C-alpha cells in the first residue's frame, strides 16, 4: 500500500454522534444498512468490500475540523478515536489521520 486512496471526513458543524455517523456514511458512501453506531462504524471501516474503490490501494481517511466536536463531546470523541485506532490495528488497508488546523478554503 504505497499510495492509499484519500477520503476526507469533514466534521465541520458536527455536534453529536449522529452527525458524525452521517458524515462518515456520506464520506465513504456507505450502504443503506450502515447502522450509525460505534460497532457499525468499526465493521464498515474494517471491511474493504464496503469501500471497494479504495480497497486495492488502501484507504487514507483524513479527519478534518474535528476539534470543535472533540471539545463539545469529549466522551464521544474518545470513543471515536478508540474505534479508529482499533480498526486501523486490525485492517492493514486502512489509515486514519487527524488533520491539524482549520480548513479555510
Protein backbone atom coordinates (compact mmCIF):
# COMPACT_ATOMS: atom_id res chain seq x y z
CA UNK A 1 0.00 0.00 0.00
CA UNK A 2 2.16 2.84 -1.25
CA UNK A 3 -0.42 5.46 -2.27
CA UNK A 4 -3.66 4.92 -0.38
CA UNK A 5 -6.86 6.43 -1.72
CA UNK A 6 -7.56 9.58 0.32
CA UNK A 7 -11.05 10.31 1.61
CA UNK A 8 -11.83 13.42 3.64
CA UNK A 9 -14.12 13.14 6.63
CA UNK A 10 -15.02 16.78 7.34
CA UNK A 11 -16.59 17.21 10.77
CA UNK A 12 -17.21 20.94 10.42
CA UNK A 13 -20.50 21.68 12.17
CA UNK A 14 -20.86 18.20 13.69
CA UNK A 15 -22.19 18.44 17.23
CA UNK A 16 -23.10 14.87 18.14
CA UNK A 17 -22.60 11.18 17.36
CA UNK A 18 -25.50 11.12 14.89
CA UNK A 19 -23.84 13.92 12.91
CA UNK A 20 -20.52 12.08 12.96
CA UNK A 21 -22.15 8.90 11.70
CA UNK A 22 -23.95 10.79 8.94
CA UNK A 23 -20.69 12.38 7.80
CA UNK A 24 -18.88 9.03 7.80
CA UNK A 25 -21.69 7.44 5.80
CA UNK A 26 -21.54 10.28 3.30
CA UNK A 27 -17.73 10.45 3.02
CA UNK A 28 -17.36 6.72 2.47
CA UNK A 29 -20.59 6.27 0.53
CA UNK A 30 -21.59 3.55 2.97
CA UNK A 31 -24.51 1.29 2.14
CA UNK A 32 -28.00 1.89 3.49
CA UNK A 33 -27.56 -0.91 6.01
CA UNK A 34 -24.89 1.10 7.88
CA UNK A 35 -26.27 1.11 11.43
CA UNK A 36 -24.87 4.51 12.52
CA UNK A 37 -23.47 3.23 15.79
CA UNK A 38 -19.92 2.55 17.03
CA UNK A 39 -19.98 -1.18 16.19
CA UNK A 40 -21.30 -0.48 12.69
CA UNK A 41 -18.59 2.14 12.19
CA UNK A 42 -15.89 -0.35 13.19
CA UNK A 43 -17.39 -3.03 10.96
CA UNK A 44 -17.62 -0.68 7.96
CA UNK A 45 -14.10 0.65 8.35
CA UNK A 46 -12.60 -2.82 8.79
CA UNK A 47 -14.33 -4.31 5.73
CA UNK A 48 -12.59 -3.23 2.49
CA UNK A 49 -15.52 -4.60 0.48
CA UNK A 50 -17.55 -1.69 1.87
CA UNK A 51 -15.16 0.76 0.16
CA UNK A 52 -14.19 -1.25 -2.96
CA UNK A 53 -12.85 1.72 -4.98
CA UNK A 54 -10.11 2.13 -2.38
CA UNK A 55 -9.58 -1.47 -1.30
CA UNK A 56 -6.91 -2.32 -3.87
CA UNK A 57 -4.65 0.56 -2.90
CA UNK A 58 -5.83 1.09 0.68
CA UNK A 59 -7.83 3.87 2.27
CA UNK A 60 -6.47 7.00 3.92
CA UNK A 61 -9.24 8.62 5.95
CA UNK A 62 -8.33 12.24 6.68
CA UNK A 63 -10.43 13.66 9.51
CA UNK A 64 -10.72 17.45 9.27
CA UNK A 65 -12.32 20.05 11.52
CA UNK A 66 -12.61 17.57 14.37
CA UNK A 67 -11.57 19.82 17.26
CA UNK A 68 -14.96 21.55 17.87
CA UNK A 69 -16.67 18.14 18.03
CA UNK A 70 -13.93 16.83 20.32
CA UNK A 71 -14.41 19.80 22.64
CA UNK A 72 -18.21 19.66 22.57
CA UNK A 73 -18.46 15.89 23.06
CA UNK A 74 -15.19 14.69 24.63
CA UNK A 75 -16.53 11.29 25.68
CA UNK A 76 -17.92 10.57 22.22
CA UNK A 77 -14.69 11.78 20.61
CA UNK A 78 -12.68 9.44 22.83
CA UNK A 79 -14.85 6.54 21.68
CA UNK A 80 -14.47 7.62 18.04
CA UNK A 81 -10.68 7.73 18.40
CA UNK A 82 -10.70 4.27 20.00
CA UNK A 83 -12.82 2.91 17.15
CA UNK A 84 -10.47 4.45 14.56
CA UNK A 85 -7.35 3.16 16.35
CA UNK A 86 -8.64 -0.37 16.94
CA UNK A 87 -9.88 -0.63 13.37
CA UNK A 88 -6.57 0.56 11.92
CA UNK A 89 -4.76 -2.00 14.11
CA UNK A 90 -6.69 -4.87 12.54
CA UNK A 91 -7.12 -3.51 9.00
CA UNK A 92 -3.82 -3.06 7.15
CA UNK A 93 -5.57 -1.39 4.20
CA UNK A 94 -6.79 1.48 6.41
CA UNK A 95 -5.05 4.56 7.78
CA UNK A 96 -6.80 7.33 9.72
CA UNK A 97 -5.14 10.71 10.27
CA UNK A 98 -6.33 13.80 12.09
CA UNK A 99 -5.69 16.99 10.14
CA UNK A 100 -4.49 19.86 12.27
CA UNK A 101 -5.72 23.38 11.77
CA UNK A 102 -8.90 24.78 10.34
CA UNK A 103 -9.60 24.40 6.65
CA UNK A 104 -10.07 27.88 5.16
CA UNK A 105 -10.76 27.10 1.51
